[in-house]
Amino acid sequence: MIFREVEDRDLILKAQRGDVDAYNLLVSRWEKRIFNYLLRLVRNREDAMDLCQDVLLKVYQNLRKLEDPARFAPWMYRIAHNEAYSMLRRKKPEDDLESAQFDMPSMGGHMLPVETALAVDAALQRLTEEQREAVVLKIYQGFKFEEMSEILGCPLSTVKSRLYTALDLLKDTLAPAGITRSTS
């Protein structure tokens, strides 16, 4: 991963000087991660695809303003966060997913990987948007708490509180399905 960060830094510097090929290589490295992050936030594939394109365009347009290439990932995820929440504020969903009931797969016997994924996704949907985003950034995207604070634009203590509350809720929701791991 360290080599990739060094390569990203070089690509960012080249892209800041106008090298389109360097930017395209950056996009090929980050596009899927940004898309998956957005998909978990907006829960709609088409919206996530549109947002991803918007984010990548904004990154391209503003890349020269990025002073520290080492901060590229949190900076880009902050743009993605802002774009997603702007869309969610504009869009009035016909179905309120917050009040929807999600059925958990059968708890009997062993669960198949697909059933496990569905159970985890259903449990994530029961969290608030802020809690879900904290889980996605930490668990799925692997950000450090300080980077999460930068992306979310809130204090470190708030980030930790959201994450730990969310993890407790997920544990309570998923424990009957036998999905949670022990932390002993």
Foldseek 3Di string as FASTA:
>chain_A
DVVVLVLQLVLLVVLLVPDVVSLVVVCVVCLVVLLVLLCLLQVDNVVSVVLSVVLSVVCSVCSNVDPDSSLVVLVSLLSSVVSSVVVVVVDDDPDDLQPDDQDQPDLPDADDPVSLVSQLSNLLSPADSLLSSLCCCCPVVNDDLVSVCSSVVHDSVVSVVSPVVSVVSSCVSCVSSVNDDDPD
